[in-house]
Amino acid sequence: MSKAGNSHLRAAAYRMAVVGLQHNPVIRAHYLRKRAAGKSKMNALGHCMRKALSLAWGVWRNGQDFDPSWGLEA
């Protein structure tokens, strides 16, 4: 993982991803997809960091509560 950028934001994103693996089905599924694709544990977690920030940005931008089933096909 690159050490470029704000270390406080990177640490917060890491914590969001680690907690998301346990409690957020979207992040958990993303992690499992990356692991199945052959990524290492830390690399897959780095992808989850980005995913967690994207989810937080989407919630803030749209002003709606997070819905883990949004975007899933019925």
Protein backbone atom coordinates (compact mmCIF):
# COMPACT_ATOMS: atom_id res chain seq x y z
CA MET A 1 0.00 0.00 0.00
CA SER A 2 1.30 3.42 -0.89
CA LYS A 3 2.29 5.75 1.94
CA ALA A 4 1.40 8.79 -0.16
CA GLY A 5 -1.45 11.00 0.96
CA ASN A 6 -2.97 11.81 4.31
CA SER A 7 -2.01 9.17 6.88
CA HIS A 8 -5.01 9.97 9.11
CA LEU A 9 -7.45 9.44 6.23
CA ARG A 10 -5.64 6.23 5.24
CA ALA A 11 -5.88 4.92 8.84
CA ALA A 12 -9.59 5.80 9.00
CA ALA A 13 -10.24 4.06 5.67
CA TYR A 14 -8.35 0.99 6.92
CA ARG A 15 -10.52 0.83 10.04
CA MET A 16 -13.67 1.29 7.96
CA ALA A 17 -12.65 -1.61 5.73
CA VAL A 18 -11.75 -3.95 8.59
CA VAL A 19 -15.04 -3.28 10.40
CA GLY A 20 -16.89 -3.46 7.07
CA LEU A 21 -15.60 -6.98 6.50
CA GLN A 22 -17.48 -8.09 9.61
CA HIS A 23 -20.61 -5.94 9.43
CA ASN A 24 -21.18 -4.74 5.85
CA PRO A 25 -22.31 -7.36 3.30
CA VAL A 26 -21.30 -5.16 0.34
CA ILE A 27 -17.71 -4.78 1.53
CA ARG A 28 -17.54 -8.44 2.55
CA ALA A 29 -18.68 -9.57 -0.91
CA HIS A 30 -16.17 -7.19 -2.54
CA TYR A 31 -13.37 -8.64 -0.39
CA LEU A 32 -14.32 -12.21 -1.26
CA ARG A 33 -14.43 -11.37 -4.99
CA LYS A 34 -10.93 -9.89 -4.82
CA ARG A 35 -9.60 -12.89 -2.85
CA ALA A 36 -11.17 -15.26 -5.40
CA ALA A 37 -9.42 -13.29 -8.14
CA GLY A 38 -6.08 -14.13 -6.53
CA LYS A 39 -5.37 -10.90 -4.67
CA SER A 40 -3.48 -11.05 -1.38
CA LYS A 41 -5.31 -10.30 1.86
CA MET A 42 -3.83 -6.81 2.19
CA ASN A 43 -4.38 -6.00 -1.48
CA ALA A 44 -8.02 -7.08 -1.21
CA LEU A 45 -8.34 -4.99 1.97
CA GLY A 46 -6.92 -2.00 0.07
CA HIS A 47 -9.67 -2.45 -2.52
CA CYS A 48 -12.20 -2.56 0.33
CA MET A 49 -10.81 0.70 1.70
CA ARG A 50 -11.63 2.36 -1.60
CA LYS A 51 -15.06 0.69 -1.66
CA ALA A 52 -15.85 1.91 1.87
CA LEU A 53 -14.93 5.48 0.95
CA SER A 54 -17.04 5.24 -2.20
CA LEU A 55 -20.02 4.04 -0.18
CA ALA A 56 -19.59 6.85 2.35
CA TRP A 57 -19.33 9.40 -0.46
CA GLY A 58 -22.47 8.05 -2.12
CA VAL A 59 -24.46 8.24 1.11
CA TRP A 60 -23.30 11.80 1.74
CA ARG A 61 -23.86 12.93 -1.85
CA ASN A 62 -27.36 11.44 -2.20
CA GLY A 63 -28.53 12.25 1.31
CA GLN A 64 -30.09 8.80 1.67
CA ASP A 65 -29.50 6.05 4.21
CA PHE A 66 -27.24 3.19 3.20
CA ASP A 67 -29.16 0.26 1.73
CA PRO A 68 -27.00 -2.85 1.16
CA SER A 69 -29.60 -4.33 -1.19
CA TRP A 70 -29.60 -1.27 -3.49
CA GLY A 71 -28.43 -2.18 -6.97
CA LEU A 72 -28.94 -5.91 -6.55
CA GLU A 73 -31.00 -7.65 -9.17
CA ALA A 74 -34.18 -9.24 -7.87
